[in-house]
Amino acid sequence: HAIEALVAAAVAARRRFGHGPREIWPRIALLTR
């Protein structure tokens, strides 16, 4: 459940801002600091 929520957040962040890491896990690392 946690992984699904983090992936959804990382995809939403990429879609909204359009910049940052292209790969999903570095985006998740940024979200979780």
PDB file of all heavy atoms in Angstrom:
ATOM      1  N   HIS A   1       0.836  -1.203   0.000  1.00  0.00           N
ATOM      2  CA  HIS A   1       0.000   0.000   0.000  1.00  0.00           C
ATOM      3  C   HIS A   1       0.877   1.261   0.000  1.00  0.00           C
ATOM      4  O   HIS A   1       0.602   2.224  -0.714  1.00  0.00           O
ATOM      5  CB  HIS A   1      -0.920  -0.037   1.219  1.00  0.00           C
ATOM      6  CG  HIS A   1      -2.142   0.794   1.082  1.00  0.00           C
ATOM      7  ND1 HIS A   1      -3.093   0.592   0.119  1.00  0.00           N
ATOM      8  CD2 HIS A   1      -2.568   1.863   1.805  1.00  0.00           C
ATOM      9  CE1 HIS A   1      -4.056   1.478   0.251  1.00  0.00           C
ATOM     10  NE2 HIS A   1      -3.759   2.273   1.263  1.00  0.00           N
ATOM     11  N   ALA A   2       1.949   1.244   0.779  1.00  0.00           N
ATOM     12  CA  ALA A   2       2.877   2.381   0.849  1.00  0.00           C
ATOM     13  C   ALA A   2       3.574   2.598  -0.487  1.00  0.00           C
ATOM     14  O   ALA A   2       3.669   3.739  -0.970  1.00  0.00           O
ATOM     15  CB  ALA A   2       3.902   2.159   1.955  1.00  0.00           C
ATOM     16  N   ILE A   3       4.053   1.521  -1.098  1.00  0.00           N
ATOM     17  CA  ILE A   3       4.752   1.629  -2.383  1.00  0.00           C
ATOM     18  C   ILE A   3       3.807   2.185  -3.443  1.00  0.00           C
ATOM     19  O   ILE A   3       4.175   3.061  -4.227  1.00  0.00           O
ATOM     20  CB  ILE A   3       5.344   0.265  -2.817  1.00  0.00           C
ATOM     21  CG1 ILE A   3       6.369  -0.236  -1.806  1.00  0.00           C
ATOM     22  CG2 ILE A   3       5.931   0.341  -4.220  1.00  0.00           C
ATOM     23  CD1 ILE A   3       7.555   0.665  -1.595  1.00  0.00           C
ATOM     24  N   GLU A   4       2.570   1.706  -3.459  1.00  0.00           N
ATOM     25  CA  GLU A   4       1.601   2.199  -4.433  1.00  0.00           C
ATOM     26  C   GLU A   4       1.351   3.702  -4.251  1.00  0.00           C
ATOM     27  O   GLU A   4       1.303   4.458  -5.220  1.00  0.00           O
ATOM     28  CB  GLU A   4       0.288   1.433  -4.300  1.00  0.00           C
ATOM     29  CG  GLU A   4      -0.742   1.855  -5.326  1.00  0.00           C
ATOM     30  CD  GLU A   4      -2.046   1.103  -5.202  1.00  0.00           C
ATOM     31  OE1 GLU A   4      -2.453   0.802  -4.065  1.00  0.00           O
ATOM     32  OE2 GLU A   4      -2.651   0.843  -6.244  1.00  0.00           O
ATOM     33  N   ALA A   5       1.230   4.163  -3.008  1.00  0.00           N
ATOM     34  CA  ALA A   5       1.002   5.588  -2.749  1.00  0.00           C
ATOM     35  C   ALA A   5       2.214   6.424  -3.146  1.00  0.00           C
ATOM     36  O   ALA A   5       2.069   7.509  -3.722  1.00  0.00           O
ATOM     37  CB  ALA A   5       0.663   5.797  -1.270  1.00  0.00           C
ATOM     38  N   LEU A   6       3.421   5.925  -2.862  1.00  0.00           N
ATOM     39  CA  LEU A   6       4.638   6.663  -3.226  1.00  0.00           C
ATOM     40  C   LEU A   6       4.814   6.745  -4.742  1.00  0.00           C
ATOM     41  O   LEU A   6       5.218   7.785  -5.266  1.00  0.00           O
ATOM     42  CB  LEU A   6       5.865   6.016  -2.574  1.00  0.00           C
ATOM     43  CG  LEU A   6       5.974   6.210  -1.058  1.00  0.00           C
ATOM     44  CD1 LEU A   6       7.087   5.328  -0.501  1.00  0.00           C
ATOM     45  CD2 LEU A   6       6.194   7.668  -0.705  1.00  0.00           C
ATOM     46  N   VAL A   7       4.525   5.658  -5.434  1.00  0.00           N
ATOM     47  CA  VAL A   7       4.627   5.671  -6.904  1.00  0.00           C
ATOM     48  C   VAL A   7       3.613   6.656  -7.484  1.00  0.00           C
ATOM     49  O   VAL A   7       3.941   7.440  -8.377  1.00  0.00           O
ATOM     50  CB  VAL A   7       4.444   4.249  -7.479  1.00  0.00           C
ATOM     51  CG1 VAL A   7       4.237   4.290  -8.983  1.00  0.00           C
ATOM     52  CG2 VAL A   7       5.641   3.378  -7.126  1.00  0.00           C
ATOM     53  N   ALA A   8       2.380   6.642  -6.968  1.00  0.00           N
ATOM     54  CA  ALA A   8       1.362   7.575  -7.446  1.00  0.00           C
ATOM     55  C   ALA A   8       1.800   9.022  -7.205  1.00  0.00           C
ATOM     56  O   ALA A   8       1.623   9.889  -8.066  1.00  0.00           O
ATOM     57  CB  ALA A   8       0.024   7.311  -6.757  1.00  0.00           C
ATOM     58  N   ALA A   9       2.412   9.284  -6.054  1.00  0.00           N
ATOM     59  CA  ALA A   9       2.885  10.640  -5.745  1.00  0.00           C
ATOM     60  C   ALA A   9       4.022  11.053  -6.672  1.00  0.00           C
ATOM     61  O   ALA A   9       4.063  12.194  -7.154  1.00  0.00           O
ATOM     62  CB  ALA A   9       3.335  10.717  -4.288  1.00  0.00           C
ATOM     63  N   ALA A  10       4.951  10.137  -6.934  1.00  0.00           N
ATOM     64  CA  ALA A  10       6.082  10.448  -7.814  1.00  0.00           C
ATOM     65  C   ALA A  10       5.606  10.717  -9.234  1.00  0.00           C
ATOM     66  O   ALA A  10       6.092  11.650  -9.895  1.00  0.00           O
ATOM     67  CB  ALA A  10       7.091   9.300  -7.791  1.00  0.00           C
ATOM     68  N   VAL A  11       4.647   9.953  -9.710  1.00  0.00           N
ATOM     69  CA  VAL A  11       4.091  10.167 -11.052  1.00  0.00           C
ATOM     70  C   VAL A  11       3.347  11.504 -11.103  1.00  0.00           C
ATOM     71  O   VAL A  11       3.488  12.277 -12.058  1.00  0.00           O
ATOM     72  CB  VAL A  11       3.174   8.993 -11.456  1.00  0.00           C
ATOM     73  CG1 VAL A  11       2.369   9.312 -12.706  1.00  0.00           C
ATOM     74  CG2 VAL A  11       3.994   7.724 -11.654  1.00  0.00           C
ATOM     75  N   ALA A  12       2.579  11.808 -10.055  1.00  0.00           N
ATOM     76  CA  ALA A  12       1.840  13.071 -10.012  1.00  0.00           C
ATOM     77  C   ALA A  12       2.797  14.268  -9.983  1.00  0.00           C
ATOM     78  O   ALA A  12       2.554  15.284 -10.641  1.00  0.00           O
ATOM     79  CB  ALA A  12       0.911  13.102  -8.801  1.00  0.00           C
ATOM     80  N   ALA A  13       3.897  14.140  -9.246  1.00  0.00           N
ATOM     81  CA  ALA A  13       4.885  15.228  -9.179  1.00  0.00           C
ATOM     82  C   ALA A  13       5.525  15.454 -10.537  1.00  0.00           C
ATOM     83  O   ALA A  13       5.692  16.594 -10.979  1.00  0.00           O
ATOM     84  CB  ALA A  13       5.943  14.910  -8.128  1.00  0.00           C
ATOM     85  N   ARG A  14       5.875  14.386 -11.218  1.00  0.00           N
ATOM     86  CA  ARG A  14       6.495  14.510 -12.546  1.00  0.00           C
ATOM     87  C   ARG A  14       5.511  15.143 -13.536  1.00  0.00           C
ATOM     88  O   ARG A  14       5.867  16.001 -14.334  1.00  0.00           O
ATOM     89  CB  ARG A  14       6.955  13.125 -13.025  1.00  0.00           C
ATOM     90  CG  ARG A  14       7.571  13.132 -14.388  1.00  0.00           C
ATOM     91  CD  ARG A  14       8.920  13.779 -14.377  1.00  0.00           C
ATOM     92  NE  ARG A  14       9.479  13.751 -15.727  1.00  0.00           N
ATOM     93  CZ  ARG A  14      10.560  14.353 -16.071  1.00  0.00           C
ATOM     94  NH1 ARG A  14      11.261  14.993 -15.185  1.00  0.00           N
ATOM     95  NH2 ARG A  14      10.987  14.300 -17.302  1.00  0.00           N
ATOM     96  N   ARG A  15       4.263  14.709 -13.461  1.00  0.00           N
ATOM     97  CA  ARG A  15       3.243  15.228 -14.366  1.00  0.00           C
ATOM     98  C   ARG A  15       2.983  16.713 -14.090  1.00  0.00           C
ATOM     99  O   ARG A  15       2.834  17.505 -15.012  1.00  0.00           O
ATOM    100  CB  ARG A  15       1.944  14.432 -14.172  1.00  0.00           C
ATOM    101  CG  ARG A  15       0.961  14.587 -15.292  1.00  0.00           C
ATOM    102  CD  ARG A  15      -0.282  13.732 -15.139  1.00  0.00           C
ATOM    103  NE  ARG A  15       0.033  12.358 -14.802  1.00  0.00           N
ATOM    104  CZ  ARG A  15      -0.611  11.653 -13.858  1.00  0.00           C
ATOM    105  NH1 ARG A  15      -1.581  12.183 -13.162  1.00  0.00           N
ATOM    106  NH2 ARG A  15      -0.280  10.413 -13.617  1.00  0.00           N
ATOM    107  N   ARG A  16       2.965  17.079 -12.827  1.00  0.00           N
ATOM    108  CA  ARG A  16       2.647  18.465 -12.454  1.00  0.00           C
ATOM    109  C   ARG A  16       3.790  19.429 -12.735  1.00  0.00           C
ATOM    110  O   ARG A  16       3.581  20.525 -13.236  1.00  0.00           O
ATOM    111  CB  ARG A  16       2.287  18.509 -10.970  1.00  0.00           C
ATOM    112  CG  ARG A  16       2.073  19.885 -10.409  1.00  0.00           C
ATOM    113  CD  ARG A  16       0.608  20.125 -10.141  1.00  0.00           C
ATOM    114  NE  ARG A  16       0.361  21.422  -9.579  1.00  0.00           N
ATOM    115  CZ  ARG A  16      -0.099  21.623  -8.362  1.00  0.00           C
ATOM    116  NH1 ARG A  16      -0.344  20.601  -7.581  1.00  0.00           N
ATOM    117  NH2 ARG A  16      -0.339  22.831  -7.947  1.00  0.00           N
ATOM    118  N   PHE A  17       5.014  19.033 -12.376  1.00  0.00           N
ATOM    119  CA  PHE A  17       6.134  19.961 -12.484  1.00  0.00           C
ATOM    120  C   PHE A  17       6.973  19.751 -13.741  1.00  0.00           C
ATOM    121  O   PHE A  17       7.644  20.675 -14.182  1.00  0.00           O
ATOM    122  CB  PHE A  17       7.030  19.871 -11.244  1.00  0.00           C
ATOM    123  CG  PHE A  17       6.281  20.182  -9.981  1.00  0.00           C
ATOM    124  CD1 PHE A  17       6.119  19.224  -9.004  1.00  0.00           C
ATOM    125  CD2 PHE A  17       5.727  21.430  -9.787  1.00  0.00           C
ATOM    126  CE1 PHE A  17       5.420  19.508  -7.842  1.00  0.00           C
ATOM    127  CE2 PHE A  17       5.030  21.731  -8.627  1.00  0.00           C
ATOM    128  CZ  PHE A  17       4.874  20.759  -7.654  1.00  0.00           C
ATOM    129  N   GLY A  18       6.985  18.531 -14.273  1.00  0.00           N
ATOM    130  CA  GLY A  18       7.667  18.269 -15.530  1.00  0.00           C
ATOM    131  C   GLY A  18       9.182  18.285 -15.484  1.00  0.00           C
ATOM    132  O   GLY A  18       9.830  18.232 -16.508  1.00  0.00           O
ATOM    133  N   HIS A  19       9.777  18.390 -14.313  1.00  0.00           N
ATOM    134  CA  HIS A  19      11.242  18.353 -14.221  1.00  0.00           C
ATOM    135  C   HIS A  19      11.634  17.509 -13.014  1.00  0.00           C
ATOM    136  O   HIS A  19      10.799  17.000 -12.302  1.00  0.00           O
ATOM    137  CB  HIS A  19      11.833  19.774 -14.114  1.00  0.00           C
ATOM    138  CG  HIS A  19      11.331  20.548 -12.939  1.00  0.00           C
ATOM    139  ND1 HIS A  19      11.825  20.388 -11.680  1.00  0.00           N
ATOM    140  CD2 HIS A  19      10.355  21.480 -12.846  1.00  0.00           C
ATOM    141  CE1 HIS A  19      11.197  21.197 -10.845  1.00  0.00           C
ATOM    142  NE2 HIS A  19      10.286  21.859 -11.542  1.00  0.00           N
ATOM    143  N   GLY A  20      12.916  17.360 -12.822  1.00  0.00           N
ATOM    144  CA  GLY A  20      13.408  16.496 -11.756  1.00  0.00           C
ATOM    145  C   GLY A  20      13.834  15.168 -12.346  1.00  0.00           C
ATOM    146  O   GLY A  20      13.868  14.984 -13.567  1.00  0.00           O
ATOM    147  N   PRO A  21      14.163  14.220 -11.495  1.00  0.00           N
ATOM    148  CA  PRO A  21      14.632  12.918 -11.991  1.00  0.00           C
ATOM    149  C   PRO A  21      13.572  12.227 -12.844  1.00  0.00           C
ATOM    150  O   PRO A  21      12.389  12.284 -12.545  1.00  0.00           O
ATOM    151  CB  PRO A  21      14.896  12.110 -10.716  1.00  0.00           C
ATOM    152  CG  PRO A  21      14.915  13.090  -9.607  1.00  0.00           C
ATOM    153  CD  PRO A  21      14.131  14.272 -10.041  1.00  0.00           C
ATOM    154  N   ARG A  22      14.006  11.582 -13.920  1.00  0.00           N
ATOM    155  CA  ARG A  22      13.082  10.854 -14.786  1.00  0.00           C
ATOM    156  C   ARG A  22      12.682   9.512 -14.180  1.00  0.00           C
ATOM    157  O   ARG A  22      11.568   9.065 -14.369  1.00  0.00           O
ATOM    158  CB  ARG A  22      13.709  10.624 -16.153  1.00  0.00           C
ATOM    159  CG  ARG A  22      13.887  11.880 -16.944  1.00  0.00           C
ATOM    160  CD  ARG A  22      14.099  11.564 -18.424  1.00  0.00           C
ATOM    161  NE  ARG A  22      14.352  12.767 -19.181  1.00  0.00           N
ATOM    162  CZ  ARG A  22      13.421  13.643 -19.528  1.00  0.00           C
ATOM    163  NH1 ARG A  22      12.186  13.454 -19.173  1.00  0.00           N
ATOM    164  NH2 ARG A  22      13.733  14.705 -20.220  1.00  0.00           N
ATOM    165  N   GLU A  23      13.599   8.878 -13.472  1.00  0.00           N
ATOM    166  CA  GLU A  23      13.320   7.564 -12.897  1.00  0.00           C
ATOM    167  C   GLU A  23      12.430   7.720 -11.668  1.00  0.00           C
ATOM    168  O   GLU A  23      12.490   8.708 -10.945  1.00  0.00           O
ATOM    169  CB  GLU A  23      14.620   6.845 -12.505  1.00  0.00           C
ATOM    170  CG  GLU A  23      15.534   6.554 -13.675  1.00  0.00           C
ATOM    171  CD  GLU A  23      16.404   7.750 -14.037  1.00  0.00           C
ATOM    172  OE1 GLU A  23      16.601   8.636 -13.173  1.00  0.00           O
ATOM    173  OE2 GLU A  23      16.869   7.815 -15.180  1.00  0.00           O
ATOM    174  N   ILE A  24      11.627   6.694 -11.415  1.00  0.00           N
ATOM    175  CA  ILE A  24      10.632   6.762 -10.344  1.00  0.00           C
ATOM    176  C   ILE A  24      11.261   6.732  -8.952  1.00  0.00           C
ATOM    177  O   ILE A  24      10.842   7.471  -8.064  1.00  0.00           O
ATOM    178  CB  ILE A  24       9.579   5.631 -10.517  1.00  0.00           C
ATOM    179  CG1 ILE A  24       8.343   5.933  -9.680  1.00  0.00           C
ATOM    180  CG2 ILE A  24      10.109   4.289 -10.120  1.00  0.00           C
ATOM    181  CD1 ILE A  24       7.312   6.660 -10.427  1.00  0.00           C
ATOM    182  N   TRP A  25      12.276   5.891  -8.726  1.00  0.00           N
ATOM    183  CA  TRP A  25      12.822   5.748  -7.373  1.00  0.00           C
ATOM    184  C   TRP A  25      13.578   6.982  -6.890  1.00  0.00           C
ATOM    185  O   TRP A  25      13.434   7.358  -5.719  1.00  0.00           O
ATOM    186  CB  TRP A  25      13.630   4.460  -7.247  1.00  0.00           C
ATOM    187  CG  TRP A  25      12.699   3.289  -7.236  1.00  0.00           C
ATOM    188  CD1 TRP A  25      12.457   2.422  -8.256  1.00  0.00           C
ATOM    189  CD2 TRP A  25      11.809   2.919  -6.175  1.00  0.00           C
ATOM    190  NE1 TRP A  25      11.479   1.528  -7.891  1.00  0.00           N
ATOM    191  CE2 TRP A  25      11.065   1.804  -6.623  1.00  0.00           C
ATOM    192  CE3 TRP A  25      11.561   3.415  -4.905  1.00  0.00           C
ATOM    193  CZ2 TRP A  25      10.106   1.186  -5.821  1.00  0.00           C
ATOM    194  CZ3 TRP A  25      10.607   2.794  -4.118  1.00  0.00           C
ATOM    195  CH2 TRP A  25       9.893   1.693  -4.582  1.00  0.00           C
ATOM    196  N   PRO A  26      14.347   7.668  -7.719  1.00  0.00           N
ATOM    197  CA  PRO A  26      14.918   8.932  -7.231  1.00  0.00           C
ATOM    198  C   PRO A  26      13.851   9.974  -6.883  1.00  0.00           C
ATOM    199  O   PRO A  26      14.007  10.734  -5.934  1.00  0.00           O
ATOM    200  CB  PRO A  26      15.798   9.400  -8.394  1.00  0.00           C
ATOM    201  CG  PRO A  26      16.213   8.131  -9.061  1.00  0.00           C
ATOM    202  CD  PRO A  26      14.989   7.246  -8.963  1.00  0.00           C
ATOM    203  N   ARG A  27      12.740   9.992  -7.634  1.00  0.00           N
ATOM    204  CA  ARG A  27      11.650  10.907  -7.279  1.00  0.00           C
ATOM    205  C   ARG A  27      11.055  10.535  -5.931  1.00  0.00           C
ATOM    206  O   ARG A  27      10.731  11.398  -5.120  1.00  0.00           O
ATOM    207  CB  ARG A  27      10.563  10.900  -8.362  1.00  0.00           C
ATOM    208  CG  ARG A  27      10.934  11.785  -9.523  1.00  0.00           C
ATOM    209  CD  ARG A  27       9.817  11.915 -10.516  1.00  0.00           C
ATOM    210  NE  ARG A  27      10.003  10.859 -11.499  1.00  0.00           N
ATOM    211  CZ  ARG A  27       9.033  10.225 -12.131  1.00  0.00           C
ATOM    212  NH1 ARG A  27       7.794  10.534 -11.901  1.00  0.00           N
ATOM    213  NH2 ARG A  27       9.305   9.288 -13.005  1.00  0.00           N
ATOM    214  N   ILE A  28      10.914   9.229  -5.685  1.00  0.00           N
ATOM    215  CA  ILE A  28      10.401   8.775  -4.388  1.00  0.00           C
ATOM    216  C   ILE A  28      11.384   9.131  -3.274  1.00  0.00           C
ATOM    217  O   ILE A  28      10.984   9.542  -2.183  1.00  0.00           O
ATOM    218  CB  ILE A  28      10.098   7.259  -4.427  1.00  0.00           C
ATOM    219  CG1 ILE A  28       8.866   7.011  -5.310  1.00  0.00           C
ATOM    220  CG2 ILE A  28       9.892   6.707  -3.025  1.00  0.00           C
ATOM    221  CD1 ILE A  28       8.565   5.561  -5.593  1.00  0.00           C
ATOM    222  N   ALA A  29      12.669   9.016  -3.558  1.00  0.00           N
ATOM    223  CA  ALA A  29      13.675   9.393  -2.550  1.00  0.00           C
ATOM    224  C   ALA A  29      13.554  10.874  -2.196  1.00  0.00           C
ATOM    225  O   ALA A  29      13.704  11.255  -1.029  1.00  0.00           O
ATOM    226  CB  ALA A  29      15.082   9.079  -3.054  1.00  0.00           C
ATOM    227  N   LEU A  30      13.263  11.723  -3.182  1.00  0.00           N
ATOM    228  CA  LEU A  30      13.065  13.140  -2.901  1.00  0.00           C
ATOM    229  C   LEU A  30      11.815  13.365  -2.054  1.00  0.00           C
ATOM    230  O   LEU A  30      11.828  14.158  -1.110  1.00  0.00           O
ATOM    231  CB  LEU A  30      12.965  13.944  -4.200  1.00  0.00           C
ATOM    232  CG  LEU A  30      14.262  14.132  -4.974  1.00  0.00           C
ATOM    233  CD1 LEU A  30      13.990  14.797  -6.320  1.00  0.00           C
ATOM    234  CD2 LEU A  30      15.264  14.941  -4.176  1.00  0.00           C
ATOM    235  N   LEU A  31      10.733  12.658  -2.384  1.00  0.00           N
ATOM    236  CA  LEU A  31       9.490  12.801  -1.616  1.00  0.00           C
ATOM    237  C   LEU A  31       9.674  12.390  -0.153  1.00  0.00           C
ATOM    238  O   LEU A  31       9.128  13.011   0.744  1.00  0.00           O
ATOM    239  CB  LEU A  31       8.378  11.947  -2.231  1.00  0.00           C
ATOM    240  CG  LEU A  31       7.707  12.482  -3.477  1.00  0.00           C
ATOM    241  CD1 LEU A  31       6.826  11.417  -4.109  1.00  0.00           C
ATOM    242  CD2 LEU A  31       6.884  13.717  -3.147  1.00  0.00           C
ATOM    243  N   THR A  32      10.443  11.336   0.064  1.00  0.00           N
ATOM    244  CA  THR A  32      10.643  10.822   1.424  1.00  0.00           C
ATOM    245  C   THR A  32      11.859  11.442   2.102  1.00  0.00           C
ATOM    246  O   THR A  32      12.209  11.051   3.208  1.00  0.00           O
ATOM    247  CB  THR A  32      10.796   9.291   1.415  1.00  0.00           C
ATOM    248  OG1 THR A  32      11.944   8.936   0.649  1.00  0.00           O
ATOM    249  CG2 THR A  32       9.556   8.614   0.869  1.00  0.00           C
ATOM    250  N   ARG A  33      12.511  12.376   1.398  1.00  0.00           N
ATOM    251  CA  ARG A  33      13.724  13.030   1.902  1.00  0.00           C
ATOM    252  C   ARG A  33      14.822  12.027   2.232  1.00  0.00           C
ATOM    253  O   ARG A  33      15.530  12.157   3.222  1.00  0.00           O
ATOM    254  CB  ARG A  33      13.408  13.909   3.106  1.00  0.00           C
ATOM    255  CG  ARG A  33      12.492  15.042   2.756  1.00  0.00           C
ATOM    256  CD  ARG A  33      12.260  15.938   3.903  1.00  0.00           C
ATOM    257  NE  ARG A  33      11.419  17.040   3.455  1.00  0.00           N
ATOM    258  CZ  ARG A  33      11.106  18.046   4.207  1.00  0.00           C
ATOM    259  NH1 ARG A  33      11.568  18.117   5.430  1.00  0.00           N
ATOM    260  NH2 ARG A  33      10.346  18.995   3.743  1.00  0.00           N
TER     261      ARG A  33
END
